Protein backbone atom coordinates (compact mmCIF):
# COMPACT_ATOMS: atom_id res chain seq x y z
CA UNK A 1 0.00 0.00 0.00
CA UNK A 2 2.80 2.42 0.99
CA UNK A 3 4.64 1.55 -2.23
CA UNK A 4 1.53 2.39 -4.27
CA UNK A 5 1.12 5.73 -2.53
CA UNK A 6 4.80 6.56 -3.06
CA UNK A 7 4.45 5.65 -6.74
CA UNK A 8 1.45 7.96 -7.09
CA UNK A 9 3.29 10.85 -5.40
CA UNK A 10 6.33 10.44 -7.67
CA UNK A 11 4.09 10.21 -10.72
CA UNK A 12 2.29 13.38 -9.65
CA UNK A 13 5.54 15.26 -9.17
CA UNK A 14 6.75 14.11 -12.58
CA UNK A 15 3.50 15.29 -14.17
CA UNK A 16 3.80 18.67 -12.45
CA UNK A 17 7.39 18.98 -13.64
CA UNK A 18 6.42 18.09 -17.20
CA UNK A 19 3.50 20.53 -17.04
CA UNK A 20 5.81 23.32 -15.87
CA UNK A 21 8.32 22.55 -18.61
CA UNK A 22 5.49 22.57 -21.15
CA UNK A 23 4.35 26.02 -19.97
CA UNK A 24 7.91 27.33 -20.19
CA UNK A 25 8.40 25.93 -23.70
CA UNK A 26 5.09 27.33 -24.96
CA UNK A 27 5.45 30.76 -23.38
CA UNK A 28 8.27 32.85 -24.92
CA UNK A 29 8.44 35.05 -21.82
CA UNK A 30 9.56 32.12 -19.66
CA UNK A 31 12.32 30.89 -21.93
CA UNK A 32 15.88 32.05 -22.29
CA UNK A 33 15.58 34.53 -25.15
CA UNK A 34 17.14 32.96 -28.24
CA UNK A 35 17.84 36.27 -29.98
CA UNK A 36 20.90 38.39 -30.68
CA UNK A 37 22.27 39.47 -27.29
CA UNK A 38 19.25 37.94 -25.56
CA UNK A 39 16.84 40.80 -26.27
CA UNK A 40 13.11 40.02 -25.93
CA UNK A 41 11.63 38.16 -28.93
CA UNK A 42 8.95 40.80 -29.47
CA UNK A 43 7.39 39.15 -32.53
CA UNK A 44 6.68 35.96 -30.56
CA UNK A 45 5.10 37.63 -27.53
CA UNK A 46 1.31 37.95 -27.47
CA UNK A 47 -0.93 39.62 -24.89
CA UNK A 48 -2.30 36.24 -23.77
CA UNK A 49 1.22 35.17 -22.74
CA UNK A 50 1.55 37.73 -19.94
CA UNK A 51 -0.80 36.47 -17.22
CA UNK A 52 0.37 32.80 -17.42
CA UNK A 53 3.97 34.02 -17.50
CA UNK A 54 3.46 36.16 -14.40
CA UNK A 55 1.73 33.33 -12.55
CA UNK A 56 4.48 30.83 -13.37
CA UNK A 57 7.29 33.30 -12.65
CA UNK A 58 5.79 34.18 -9.26
CA UNK A 59 5.59 30.47 -8.38
CA UNK A 60 9.26 30.09 -9.28
CA UNK A 61 10.17 33.17 -7.24
CA UNK A 62 8.26 31.83 -4.23
CA UNK A 63 10.21 28.56 -4.40
CA UNK A 64 13.45 30.57 -4.32
CA UNK A 65 12.24 32.50 -1.28
CA UNK A 66 11.19 29.27 0.45
CA UNK A 67 14.65 27.85 -0.18
CA UNK A 68 16.23 30.84 1.61
CA UNK A 69 13.79 30.62 4.53
CA UNK A 70 14.14 26.84 4.95
CA UNK A 71 17.95 26.86 4.89
CA UNK A 72 19.11 25.15 8.09
CA UNK A 73 22.44 26.96 8.03
CA UNK A 74 22.93 30.15 10.03
CA UNK A 75 22.04 33.28 8.03
CA UNK A 76 24.98 34.82 6.18
CA UNK A 77 25.36 37.57 3.61
CA UNK A 78 25.87 34.92 0.94
CA UNK A 79 23.03 32.52 1.73
CA UNK A 80 20.46 35.21 2.59
CA UNK A 81 21.15 38.71 1.22
CA UNK A 82 22.81 37.66 -2.04
CA UNK A 83 20.33 34.84 -2.59
CA UNK A 84 17.44 37.24 -2.05
CA UNK A 85 18.96 39.87 -4.34
CA UNK A 86 19.44 37.34 -7.13
CA UNK A 87 16.02 35.71 -6.78
CA UNK A 88 13.09 36.33 -9.11
CA UNK A 89 15.15 36.53 -12.29
CA UNK A 90 12.38 35.13 -14.48
CA UNK A 91 9.78 37.38 -12.87
CA UNK A 92 12.02 40.38 -13.58
CA UNK A 93 12.32 39.22 -17.19
CA UNK A 94 8.55 39.00 -17.57
CA UNK A 95 7.74 42.25 -15.79
CA UNK A 96 10.40 44.31 -17.58
CA UNK A 97 8.94 43.32 -20.95
CA UNK A 98 5.33 43.88 -19.92
CA UNK A 99 5.87 47.19 -18.11
CA UNK A 100 7.94 48.70 -20.90
CA UNK A 101 5.59 47.61 -23.67
CA UNK A 102 2.52 48.71 -21.71
CA UNK A 103 4.09 52.17 -21.54
CA UNK A 104 5.29 52.24 -25.17
CA UNK A 105 2.79 50.25 -27.26
CA UNK A 106 -0.23 49.78 -25.04
CA UNK A 107 -3.71 48.70 -26.11
CA UNK A 108 -7.08 48.03 -24.53
CA UNK A 109 -6.03 44.38 -24.07
CA UNK A 110 -2.72 45.39 -22.45
CA UNK A 111 -4.47 47.77 -20.07
CA UNK A 112 -7.03 45.12 -19.11
CA UNK A 113 -4.18 42.67 -18.52
CA UNK A 114 -2.41 45.22 -16.32
CA UNK A 115 -5.55 45.50 -14.17
CA UNK A 116 -5.34 41.75 -13.52
CA UNK A 117 -1.59 41.65 -13.00
CA UNK A 118 -1.33 44.63 -10.61
CA UNK A 119 -3.06 43.04 -7.58
CA UNK A 120 -1.26 39.74 -8.20
CA UNK A 121 2.18 41.34 -8.12
CA UNK A 122 1.22 43.59 -5.19
CA UNK A 123 0.28 40.52 -3.15
CA UNK A 124 3.37 38.63 -4.29
CA UNK A 125 5.81 41.30 -3.17
CA UNK A 126 3.86 41.91 0.06
CA UNK A 127 4.21 38.17 0.76
CA UNK A 128 7.96 38.60 0.53
CA UNK A 129 8.22 41.86 2.50
CA UNK A 130 5.96 40.51 5.24
CA UNK A 131 7.56 37.06 5.44
CA UNK A 132 8.50 36.97 9.14
CA UNK A 133 10.98 34.09 8.83
CA UNK A 134 12.73 35.72 5.89
CA UNK A 135 13.00 39.01 7.77
CA UNK A 136 14.48 37.20 10.77
CA UNK A 137 17.32 35.93 8.61
CA UNK A 138 17.90 39.36 7.06
CA UNK A 139 17.90 40.96 10.51
CA UNK A 140 20.46 38.48 11.86
CA UNK A 141 22.88 39.44 9.09
CA UNK A 142 22.11 43.15 9.50
CA UNK A 143 22.58 43.13 13.28
CA UNK A 144 25.93 41.35 12.84
CA UNK A 145 27.14 43.66 10.03
CA UNK A 146 29.98 45.17 12.09
CA UNK A 147 31.57 41.72 12.40
CA UNK A 148 31.32 40.81 8.71
CA UNK A 149 33.99 41.68 6.15
CA UNK A 150 31.89 43.34 3.44
CA UNK A 151 32.81 45.54 0.53
CA UNK A 152 31.20 49.02 0.36
CA UNK A 153 28.78 47.69 -2.27
CA UNK A 154 27.82 44.74 -0.08
CA UNK A 155 27.34 47.03 2.91
CA UNK A 156 25.03 49.22 0.86
CA UNK A 157 23.03 46.23 -0.41
CA UNK A 158 22.61 44.93 3.15
CA UNK A 159 21.47 48.34 4.39
CA UNK A 160 18.98 48.80 1.54
CA UNK A 161 17.63 45.26 1.89
CA UNK A 162 17.00 45.67 5.61
CA UNK A 163 15.47 49.12 5.16
CA UNK A 164 13.17 47.82 2.41
CA UNK A 165 11.83 45.16 4.76
CA UNK A 166 11.21 47.76 7.47
CA UNK A 167 9.47 50.09 5.03
CA UNK A 168 7.64 47.12 3.55
CA UNK A 169 5.92 46.48 6.87
CA UNK A 170 8.01 43.69 8.42
CA UNK A 171 7.93 45.36 11.87
CA UNK A 172 4.22 46.21 11.80
CA UNK A 173 1.63 44.34 13.84
CA UNK A 174 -0.34 41.64 12.05
CA UNK A 175 -3.40 43.90 12.01
CA UNK A 176 -1.46 46.76 10.42
CA UNK A 177 0.16 44.36 7.96
CA UNK A 178 -3.29 43.37 6.76
CA UNK A 179 -4.18 47.06 6.38
CA UNK A 180 -0.95 47.62 4.45
CA UNK A 181 -1.71 44.78 2.05
CA UNK A 182 -5.13 46.27 1.30
CA UNK A 183 -3.68 49.75 0.76
CA UNK A 184 -0.91 48.49 -1.56
CA UNK A 185 -3.40 46.51 -3.64
CA UNK A 186 -5.72 49.49 -4.03
CA UNK A 187 -2.84 51.85 -4.89
CA UNK A 188 -1.56 49.50 -7.59
CA UNK A 189 -4.93 49.61 -9.37
CA UNK A 190 -5.51 53.33 -8.88
CA UNK A 191 -2.11 54.26 -10.34
CA UNK A 192 -2.84 52.18 -13.41
CA UNK A 193 -6.26 53.78 -13.84
CA UNK A 194 -4.76 57.26 -13.48
CA UNK A 195 -2.21 56.60 -16.25
CA UNK A 196 -4.82 55.01 -18.52
CA UNK A 197 -7.12 58.00 -18.06
CA UNK A 198 -4.34 60.49 -18.76
CA UNK A 199 -3.42 58.69 -21.99
CA UNK A 200 -7.08 58.48 -23.08
CA UNK A 201 -7.60 62.20 -22.47
CA UNK A 202 -4.48 63.02 -24.48
CA UNK A 203 -5.57 60.81 -27.37
CA UNK A 204 -9.20 61.90 -27.38
CA UNK A 205 -8.71 65.64 -27.85
CA UNK A 206 -8.15 66.91 -31.39
CA UNK A 207 -8.10 70.51 -32.53
CA UNK A 208 -9.52 70.14 -36.03
CA UNK A 209 -8.92 73.05 -38.41
CA UNK A 210 -10.72 73.23 -41.76
CA UNK A 211 -10.07 76.88 -42.57
CA UNK A 212 -6.61 77.62 -43.94
CA UNK A 213 -6.75 81.14 -42.49
CA UNK A 214 -6.62 79.60 -39.01
CA UNK A 215 -3.11 78.33 -39.79
CA UNK A 216 -1.70 81.87 -39.96
CA UNK A 217 1.75 82.17 -38.41
CA UNK A 218 2.58 78.46 -38.58
CA UNK A 219 5.60 77.19 -40.49
CA UNK A 220 5.09 74.89 -43.44
CA UNK A 221 6.67 71.93 -41.64
CA UNK A 222 4.16 72.30 -38.80
CA UNK A 223 1.25 72.57 -41.24
CA UNK A 224 2.41 69.47 -43.11
CA UNK A 225 2.65 67.50 -39.87
CA UNK A 226 -0.90 68.58 -38.92
CA UNK A 227 -2.18 67.54 -42.36
CA UNK A 228 -0.55 64.12 -41.93
CA UNK A 229 -2.18 63.74 -38.49
CA UNK A 230 -5.55 64.62 -40.03
CA UNK A 231 -5.19 61.96 -42.73
CA UNK A 232 -4.21 59.38 -40.13
CA UNK A 233 -7.52 60.19 -38.42
CA UNK A 234 -9.50 59.84 -41.65
CA UNK A 235 -9.88 63.60 -42.20
CA UNK A 236 -9.05 64.85 -45.69
CA UNK A 237 -8.29 68.50 -46.46
CA UNK A 238 -8.10 69.35 -42.78
CA UNK A 239 -5.41 69.88 -40.17
CA UNK A 240 -5.29 68.28 -36.71
CA UNK A 241 -3.34 69.39 -33.65
CA UNK A 242 -3.23 67.36 -30.44
CA UNK A 243 -2.05 67.81 -26.85
CA UNK A 244 1.01 65.70 -27.58
CA UNK A 245 3.74 68.27 -27.05
CA UNK A 246 5.45 67.93 -30.46
CA UNK A 247 2.11 68.92 -31.98
CA UNK A 248 1.01 71.42 -29.32
CA UNK A 249 4.15 73.47 -28.67
CA UNK A 250 4.71 74.68 -32.27
CA UNK A 251 1.05 75.71 -32.43
CA UNK A 252 1.25 77.64 -29.14
CA UNK A 253 4.48 79.27 -30.26
CA UNK A 254 3.51 80.42 -33.75
CA UNK A 255 -0.28 80.29 -34.34
CA UNK A 256 -1.73 83.81 -34.65
CA UNK A 257 -5.28 82.78 -33.73
CA UNK A 258 -5.45 83.42 -29.99
CA UNK A 259 -8.77 81.66 -29.43
CA UNK A 260 -7.34 78.48 -30.97
CA UNK A 261 -4.23 78.66 -28.81
CA UNK A 262 -6.54 79.00 -25.81
CA UNK A 263 -8.58 75.98 -26.85
CA UNK A 264 -5.54 73.76 -27.33
CA UNK A 265 -3.65 74.69 -24.17
CA UNK A 266 -6.80 74.62 -22.03
CA UNK A 267 -7.44 71.08 -23.27
CA UNK A 268 -3.87 70.20 -22.23
CA UNK A 269 -4.06 71.58 -18.68
CA UNK A 270 -7.57 70.17 -18.15
CA UNK A 271 -6.66 66.55 -18.95
CA UNK A 272 -8.29 64.34 -16.35
CA UNK A 273 -10.41 67.22 -15.07
CA UNK A 274 -13.37 67.20 -17.46
CA UNK A 275 -15.99 65.39 -15.34
CA UNK A 276 -16.16 62.56 -17.86
CA UNK A 277 -15.32 58.85 -17.73
CA UNK A 278 -11.58 59.69 -17.71
CA UNK A 279 -11.75 62.21 -14.87
CA UNK A 280 -8.88 61.72 -12.41
CA UNK A 281 -9.95 63.97 -9.51
CA UNK A 282 -11.57 61.19 -7.50
CA UNK A 283 -8.66 58.86 -8.23
CA UNK A 284 -6.15 61.48 -7.08
CA UNK A 285 -8.12 62.02 -3.88
CA UNK A 286 -8.19 58.28 -3.20
CA UNK A 287 -4.45 57.97 -3.89
CA UNK A 288 -3.64 60.85 -1.53
CA UNK A 289 -5.81 59.37 1.22
CA UNK A 290 -4.23 55.93 0.82
CA UNK A 291 -0.71 57.39 0.85
CA UNK A 292 -1.57 59.19 4.08
CA UNK A 293 -3.01 56.04 5.66
CA UNK A 294 0.04 54.04 4.63
CA UNK A 295 2.45 56.63 6.02
CA UNK A 296 0.61 56.74 9.35
CA UNK A 297 0.95 52.97 9.69
CA UNK A 298 4.71 53.58 9.86
CA UNK A 299 4.42 56.42 12.36
CA UNK A 300 4.70 59.34 9.94
CA UNK A 301 2.27 62.26 9.79
CA UNK A 302 2.03 62.28 6.01
CA UNK A 303 3.41 60.75 2.83
CA UNK A 304 6.06 63.46 2.41
CA UNK A 305 7.66 62.47 5.71
CA UNK A 306 7.54 58.78 4.78
CA UNK A 307 9.08 59.28 1.32
CA UNK A 308 11.76 61.75 2.42
CA UNK A 309 12.89 59.64 5.39
CA UNK A 310 15.24 57.66 3.12
CA UNK A 311 16.26 60.59 0.92
CA UNK A 312 19.06 63.13 1.27
CA UNK A 313 16.63 65.89 2.30
CA UNK A 314 15.15 63.75 5.12
CA UNK A 315 12.31 66.13 6.05
CA UNK A 316 9.62 68.22 4.29
CA UNK A 317 11.02 71.28 6.08
CA UNK A 318 14.35 70.88 4.28
CA UNK A 319 12.57 70.55 0.94
CA UNK A 320 10.52 73.70 1.56
CA UNK A 321 13.67 75.53 2.62
CA UNK A 322 15.31 74.68 -0.70
CA UNK A 323 12.26 75.30 -2.91
CA UNK A 324 11.60 78.64 -1.20
CA UNK A 325 15.12 79.73 -2.08
CA UNK A 326 14.49 78.80 -5.72
CA UNK A 327 11.07 80.49 -5.59
CA UNK A 328 12.50 83.71 -4.13
CA UNK A 329 15.14 83.85 -6.86
CA UNK A 330 12.89 82.82 -9.76
CA UNK A 331 9.70 84.77 -9.01
CA UNK A 332 11.09 88.29 -9.66
CA UNK A 333 12.52 87.11 -13.00
CA UNK A 334 9.21 85.49 -14.00
CA UNK A 335 7.32 88.66 -13.05
CA UNK A 336 9.74 90.82 -15.04
CA UNK A 337 9.31 88.57 -18.08
CA UNK A 338 5.53 88.70 -17.73
CA UNK A 339 5.63 92.50 -17.59
CA UNK A 340 7.80 92.56 -20.70
CA UNK A 341 5.39 90.28 -22.56
CA UNK A 342 2.42 92.43 -21.46
CA UNK A 343 4.15 95.54 -22.82
CA UNK A 344 4.59 93.76 -26.15
CA UNK A 345 0.89 92.85 -26.20
CA UNK A 346 -0.07 96.45 -25.41
CA UNK A 347 2.29 97.86 -28.07
CA UNK A 348 0.52 95.72 -30.69
CA UNK A 349 -2.86 97.05 -29.61
CA UNK A 350 -3.91 93.88 -27.83
CA UNK A 351 -6.64 94.77 -25.39
CA UNK A 352 -6.20 91.77 -23.12
CA UNK A 353 -4.16 90.45 -20.21
CA UNK A 354 -1.37 87.90 -20.71
CA UNK A 355 -2.75 84.38 -20.15
CA UNK A 356 -1.24 80.89 -19.95
CA UNK A 357 -1.90 80.21 -23.65
CA UNK A 358 -0.14 83.46 -24.69
CA UNK A 359 3.20 82.80 -23.05
CA UNK A 360 4.90 80.76 -25.82
CA UNK A 361 3.62 82.99 -28.63
CA UNK A 362 4.78 86.31 -27.17
CA UNK A 363 8.00 84.86 -25.72
CA UNK A 364 8.91 83.81 -29.26
CA UNK A 365 8.09 87.28 -30.59
CA UNK A 366 10.19 88.89 -27.87
CA UNK A 367 13.06 86.52 -28.55
CA UNK A 368 12.93 87.36 -32.26
CA UNK A 369 13.10 91.05 -31.46
CA UNK A 370 16.01 90.67 -29.04
CA UNK A 371 18.12 88.14 -30.91
CA UNK A 372 16.79 88.29 -34.47
CA UNK A 373 16.29 84.53 -34.56
CA UNK A 374 13.68 81.93 -33.92
CA UNK A 375 13.50 78.18 -33.40
CA UNK A 376 12.63 77.54 -37.02
CA UNK A 377 16.00 78.94 -38.12
CA UNK A 378 17.78 76.30 -36.08
CA UNK A 379 15.53 73.43 -37.11
CA UNK A 380 17.88 72.16 -39.89
CA UNK A 381 20.66 71.87 -37.32
CA UNK A 382 18.48 69.80 -34.99
CA UNK A 383 17.34 67.20 -37.50
CA UNK A 384 16.85 63.84 -35.78
CA UNK A 385 19.89 62.06 -37.18
CA UNK A 386 22.16 65.01 -36.42
CA UNK A 387 20.93 65.29 -32.83
CA UNK A 388 21.32 61.55 -32.28
CA UNK A 389 24.76 61.37 -33.89
CA UNK A 390 25.86 64.46 -31.97
CA UNK A 391 24.94 62.83 -28.66
CA UNK A 392 26.79 59.69 -29.72
CA UNK A 393 29.85 61.78 -30.59
CA UNK A 394 29.84 63.38 -27.14
CA UNK A 395 29.56 59.94 -25.47
CA UNK A 396 32.46 58.76 -27.60
CA UNK A 397 34.68 61.71 -26.70
CA UNK A 398 33.87 61.52 -23.00
CA UNK A 399 33.76 57.76 -22.46
CA UNK A 400 35.12 56.15 -25.63
CA UNK A 401 31.74 54.53 -26.39
CA UNK A 402 30.78 53.52 -29.91
CA UNK A 403 27.26 53.02 -31.32
CA UNK A 404 26.60 50.62 -34.18
CA UNK A 405 23.07 50.44 -35.60
CA UNK A 406 21.79 46.87 -35.81
CA UNK A 407 19.07 45.72 -38.19
CA UNK A 408 19.10 42.06 -37.11
CA UNK A 409 17.75 42.71 -33.62
CA UNK A 410 13.98 42.49 -32.91
CA UNK A 411 12.13 45.76 -32.24
CA UNK A 412 8.70 46.27 -30.67
CA UNK A 413 7.59 49.05 -33.08
CA UNK A 414 8.70 50.09 -36.59
CA UNK A 415 9.71 53.56 -35.32
CA UNK A 416 12.28 52.11 -32.92
CA UNK A 417 16.00 52.16 -33.72
CA UNK A 418 18.39 49.77 -32.00
CA UNK A 419 22.14 50.13 -31.48
CA UNK A 420 24.86 47.92 -30.12
CA UNK A 421 27.01 49.90 -27.69
CA UNK A 422 30.72 49.07 -27.75
CA UNK A 423 33.57 49.92 -25.43
CA UNK A 424 36.61 51.77 -26.73
CA UNK A 425 38.27 48.39 -27.45
CA UNK A 426 35.23 47.31 -29.52
CA UNK A 427 34.06 44.84 -26.87
CA UNK A 428 30.30 44.55 -26.36
CA UNK A 429 28.81 46.76 -23.64
CA UNK A 430 25.06 46.66 -24.18
CA UNK A 431 22.03 47.22 -26.41
CA UNK A 432 20.24 50.56 -26.73
CA UNK A 433 16.69 50.96 -28.05
CA UNK A 434 15.70 54.50 -29.09
CA UNK A 435 11.98 55.22 -29.44
CA UNK A 436 11.68 58.76 -30.78
CA UNK A 437 8.11 59.62 -31.67
CA UNK A 438 4.81 60.16 -29.82
CA UNK A 439 1.85 57.93 -30.69
CA UNK A 440 -1.55 57.09 -29.28
CA UNK A 441 -0.27 53.86 -27.71
CA UNK A 442 2.62 55.54 -25.90
CA UNK A 443 2.73 57.53 -22.69
CA UNK A 444 3.87 61.14 -22.86
CA UNK A 445 7.20 62.60 -21.82
CA UNK A 446 10.67 61.10 -21.96
CA UNK A 447 12.05 58.23 -19.90
CA UNK A 448 14.67 55.49 -19.75
CA UNK A 449 14.19 51.92 -18.54
CA UNK A 450 15.68 48.47 -19.06
CA UNK A 451 14.52 45.25 -20.67
CA UNK A 452 17.47 43.69 -18.83
CA UNK A 453 19.47 45.40 -16.10
CA UNK A 454 23.22 45.25 -15.93
CA UNK A 455 24.71 42.71 -13.56
CA UNK A 456 28.09 41.08 -13.22
CA UNK A 457 28.61 39.13 -16.43
CA UNK A 458 25.29 40.32 -17.88
CA UNK A 459 25.12 43.18 -20.38
CA UNK A 460 22.18 45.62 -20.16
CA UNK A 461 19.37 46.09 -22.69
CA UNK A 462 18.24 49.69 -22.31
CA UNK A 463 15.24 51.47 -23.82
CA UNK A 464 14.93 55.26 -24.13
CA UNK A 465 11.66 56.97 -25.00
CA UNK A 466 11.28 60.53 -26.26
CA UNK A 467 8.67 62.85 -27.67
CA UNK A 468 10.75 64.31 -30.45
CA UNK A 469 10.47 68.05 -30.72
CA UNK A 470 10.37 68.79 -27.00
CA UNK A 471 14.04 68.27 -26.28
CA UNK A 472 15.39 70.43 -29.12
CA UNK A 473 12.89 73.17 -28.28
CA UNK A 474 13.96 73.16 -24.64
CA UNK A 475 17.63 73.19 -25.64
CA UNK A 476 17.09 76.16 -27.94
CA UNK A 477 15.28 78.14 -25.25
CA UNK A 478 18.04 77.51 -22.75
CA UNK A 479 20.64 78.65 -25.28
CA UNK A 480 18.88 81.92 -26.08
CA UNK A 481 18.12 82.73 -22.45
CA UNK A 482 21.63 81.93 -21.21
CA UNK A 483 23.62 85.03 -20.07
């Protein structure tokens, strides 16, 4: 009888093992990426792969955590801190792909998937942070740190690991830990909803122009771009401007029609505040309340105190001290510029007060008067390839880095360029994705992240996202305003 039971148990374990291997083989996110330099195989990854990949990767991560906790040896830096730091490699692989693509090429299906994944990952990481036996082992190593021969990097890792457990709730009572879990789960969903709403508001607004006279003041390149946007939206013989900054800023800077500038910039500053299905006011209120509740669980009066406790500033008072110094220095200059712009408005017979949607337009006029140039004159010198190659040249002169464009490496969108980064001796350093242009599936702004972070013996795969047009405009303004 015992032999039969043992046989059934072994058979069950073998079936589970085979099932896990089958999932890994079928799901590209769980495999070692068989691509040049191990970049994600974007063409193979489908939305339906993400949830099973997360579930399997979290199971694998939990087994790694259990192995650390169940180790009968005394806790050491090697068998506890290093093991913990290196755990969850597959989960990191899955999440780095999903998070980056959800920010860069999202869709309704991706956003729905994120709503399912967010509470799962929140619970998973809370399970780790609130694992009492795991924290005991970490604390033993931390309390004995003065007697351990650690490098500065190891000392820092130990300090951060211990602090993360403390700030993750390891020292809270069981009742407060349950409250913390609930708060973290709610915050994860609310942050996603906020971002989704902001993107929807940006995509939904379109300033449609069908009268050519309303394009007065705009350069031909700007008009052509607006015509292209209109055609992409199924509008022939019209021009479309959006609240994406590469579309909005040229319009605010050069369009003569004040009422249209007002309409466009008002739409921009009112995103998420239109009392519609994408309104973010209630979500922001809920987030602020949850942040406050979370901070008070840890003995802080507010979220600012909680966040700043591990920063260089340490306290809100220090932050206010610094920002007030900046405010005191900047405010007189801003007021003087506003007065100068108002004088320009008055000199042209404008019977109105300077408003938020006038600032770019009259600043550009004033700059033209003072310096006899405008941004459009410099546009040929800030063409995409020249800006990119110029930044590469600077990196080469400063650090000896070389950038070789690769066409054999998978990309997640046709707009994306990919480069192999080489050291001065031509040895491989990493892979750099450059995603230049705004689109409806991509969040606004500019950011950098990693599909694979750099570790010892592992080269990084970095992605950079821009909204082309903002950076060169900002650079030009800094140049012309510099003393």
